[in-house]
Structure formats: C-alpha cells, structure tokens
C-alpha cells in the first residue's frame, strides 16, 4: 500500500478503516476505538496519517506517522 491517509469513518452502525481513495474499507469494527486501533497500526506500517471522523463526518482528530521534517510538539501523547 502506498502512503495514503487512513480514515476512520462511520459505516452504517459500524466504523470503517478506509484508505484514502479506496472504494472498499480495509476493515470494519463495532466501535470507533477498535477501528482507530486498527487504523493506527495500518498508518504506522505505511508511514501515513490517521484521520478520525465524528459520526456526522466532521474530522475529530489527526495523527501523523510519516517522516515529518519539522514535527510539531504533540500535546496529546
């Protein structure tokens, strides 16, 4: 897989891990937390960005796992 962003999006009554530009999700999960955990592993393996969405589709959070030449100070972790 190339360095495409990984999105955690609502999918019916489940949550999907969807690589950017892909028609099909990589996996689906019962909870957003489980989907985020799976998406995080995929983003780390591909050195890409994880984008977590709210149930209404709005972006809730982003985490970058790529090589950033000027990384910001992460206050979350």
C-alpha atoms as a PDB file:
ATOM      1  CA  UNK A   1       0.000   0.000   0.000  1.00  0.00           C
ATOM      2  CA  UNK A   2       1.220   3.466  -0.825  1.00  0.00           C
ATOM      3  CA  UNK A   3       1.373   6.374   1.632  1.00  0.00           C
ATOM      4  CA  UNK A   4      -2.352   7.163   1.548  1.00  0.00           C
ATOM      5  CA  UNK A   5      -4.081   8.670   4.564  1.00  0.00           C
ATOM      6  CA  UNK A   6      -6.171   6.237   6.611  1.00  0.00           C
ATOM      7  CA  UNK A   7      -9.662   7.434   7.577  1.00  0.00           C
ATOM      8  CA  UNK A   8     -11.867   6.129  10.393  1.00  0.00           C
ATOM      9  CA  UNK A   9     -15.416   6.779   9.182  1.00  0.00           C
ATOM     10  CA  UNK A  10     -18.939   5.752  10.202  1.00  0.00           C
ATOM     11  CA  UNK A  11     -20.381   2.952   8.090  1.00  0.00           C
ATOM     12  CA  UNK A  12     -23.992   2.222   8.996  1.00  0.00           C
ATOM     13  CA  UNK A  13     -23.948   1.129  12.637  1.00  0.00           C
ATOM     14  CA  UNK A  14     -20.238   0.230  12.471  1.00  0.00           C
ATOM     15  CA  UNK A  15     -16.922   2.047  11.932  1.00  0.00           C
ATOM     16  CA  UNK A  16     -14.740   1.508   8.854  1.00  0.00           C
ATOM     17  CA  UNK A  17     -10.984   1.792   8.359  1.00  0.00           C
ATOM     18  CA  UNK A  18     -10.786   3.260   4.880  1.00  0.00           C
ATOM     19  CA  UNK A  19      -7.565   4.064   3.000  1.00  0.00           C
ATOM     20  CA  UNK A  20      -7.900   7.350   1.097  1.00  0.00           C
ATOM     21  CA  UNK A  21      -9.066   6.817  -2.474  1.00  0.00           C
ATOM     22  CA  UNK A  22     -10.180   3.242  -1.849  1.00  0.00           C
ATOM     23  CA  UNK A  23     -13.752   2.207  -2.658  1.00  0.00           C
ATOM     24  CA  UNK A  24     -13.716  -0.606  -0.082  1.00  0.00           C
ATOM     25  CA  UNK A  25     -12.776  -0.331   3.600  1.00  0.00           C
ATOM     26  CA  UNK A  26      -9.739  -2.262   4.834  1.00  0.00           C
ATOM     27  CA  UNK A  27     -11.846  -3.459   7.799  1.00  0.00           C
ATOM     28  CA  UNK A  28     -14.994  -2.654   9.799  1.00  0.00           C
ATOM     29  CA  UNK A  29     -15.439  -2.623  13.580  1.00  0.00           C
ATOM     30  CA  UNK A  30     -18.232  -2.340  16.156  1.00  0.00           C
ATOM     31  CA  UNK A  31     -16.647   0.640  17.927  1.00  0.00           C
ATOM     32  CA  UNK A  32     -14.746   3.725  16.852  1.00  0.00           C
ATOM     33  CA  UNK A  33     -11.977   2.829  19.304  1.00  0.00           C
ATOM     34  CA  UNK A  34     -11.419  -0.592  17.757  1.00  0.00           C
ATOM     35  CA  UNK A  35     -11.388   0.937  14.272  1.00  0.00           C
ATOM     36  CA  UNK A  36      -8.925   3.631  15.386  1.00  0.00           C
ATOM     37  CA  UNK A  37      -6.606   0.999  16.856  1.00  0.00           C
ATOM     38  CA  UNK A  38      -6.624  -0.999  13.593  1.00  0.00           C
ATOM     39  CA  UNK A  39      -6.225   2.187  11.543  1.00  0.00           C
ATOM     40  CA  UNK A  40      -3.309   3.331  13.708  1.00  0.00           C
ATOM     41  CA  UNK A  41      -1.413   0.085  13.022  1.00  0.00           C
ATOM     42  CA  UNK A  42      -2.074   0.482   9.286  1.00  0.00           C
ATOM     43  CA  UNK A  43      -0.979   4.155   9.291  1.00  0.00           C
ATOM     44  CA  UNK A  44       2.201   3.312  11.213  1.00  0.00           C
ATOM     45  CA  UNK A  45       3.050   0.465   8.822  1.00  0.00           C
ATOM     46  CA  UNK A  46       2.567   2.775   5.824  1.00  0.00           C
ATOM     47  CA  UNK A  47       4.039   5.911   7.425  1.00  0.00           C
ATOM     48  CA  UNK A  48       0.892   7.872   6.642  1.00  0.00           C
ATOM     49  CA  UNK A  49      -1.662   9.979   8.504  1.00  0.00           C
ATOM     50  CA  UNK A  50      -4.609   8.667  10.534  1.00  0.00           C
ATOM     51  CA  UNK A  51      -7.755  10.816  10.284  1.00  0.00           C
ATOM     52  CA  UNK A  52     -10.556  10.030  12.746  1.00  0.00           C
ATOM     53  CA  UNK A  53     -14.037  11.345  11.912  1.00  0.00           C
ATOM     54  CA  UNK A  54     -17.068  12.019  14.124  1.00  0.00           C
ATOM     55  CA  UNK A  55     -20.401  10.245  13.456  1.00  0.00           C
ATOM     56  CA  UNK A  56     -21.510  13.315  11.430  1.00  0.00           C
ATOM     57  CA  UNK A  57     -18.410  13.029   9.191  1.00  0.00           C
ATOM     58  CA  UNK A  58     -16.560  16.011  10.695  1.00  0.00           C
ATOM     59  CA  UNK A  59     -12.838  15.428  11.432  1.00  0.00           C
ATOM     60  CA  UNK A  60     -12.309  14.778  15.137  1.00  0.00           C
ATOM     61  CA  UNK A  61      -8.575  14.072  15.283  1.00  0.00           C
ATOM     62  CA  UNK A  62      -5.450  13.525  13.164  1.00  0.00           C
ATOM     63  CA  UNK A  63      -2.198  11.723  13.899  1.00  0.00           C
ATOM     64  CA  UNK A  64       0.789  11.619  11.553  1.00  0.00           C
ATOM     65  CA  UNK A  65       3.030   8.555  11.433  1.00  0.00           C
ATOM     66  CA  UNK A  66       5.199   9.635   8.488  1.00  0.00           C
ATOM     67  CA  UNK A  67       8.608  11.222   8.328  1.00  0.00           C
ATOM     68  CA  UNK A  68       7.943  14.876   9.114  1.00  0.00           C
ATOM     69  CA  UNK A  69      10.944  17.159   8.645  1.00  0.00           C
ATOM     70  CA  UNK A  70       9.533  19.662  11.152  1.00  0.00           C
ATOM     71  CA  UNK A  71       7.292  17.758  13.550  1.00  0.00           C
ATOM     72  CA  UNK A  72       5.052  19.785  15.869  1.00  0.00           C
ATOM     73  CA  UNK A  73       5.184  19.200  19.611  1.00  0.00           C
ATOM     74  CA  UNK A  74       2.468  16.643  20.341  1.00  0.00           C
ATOM     75  CA  UNK A  75       0.462  17.673  23.401  1.00  0.00           C
ATOM     76  CA  UNK A  76      -1.869  14.655  23.194  1.00  0.00           C
ATOM     77  CA  UNK A  77       0.625  11.878  23.825  1.00  0.00           C
END
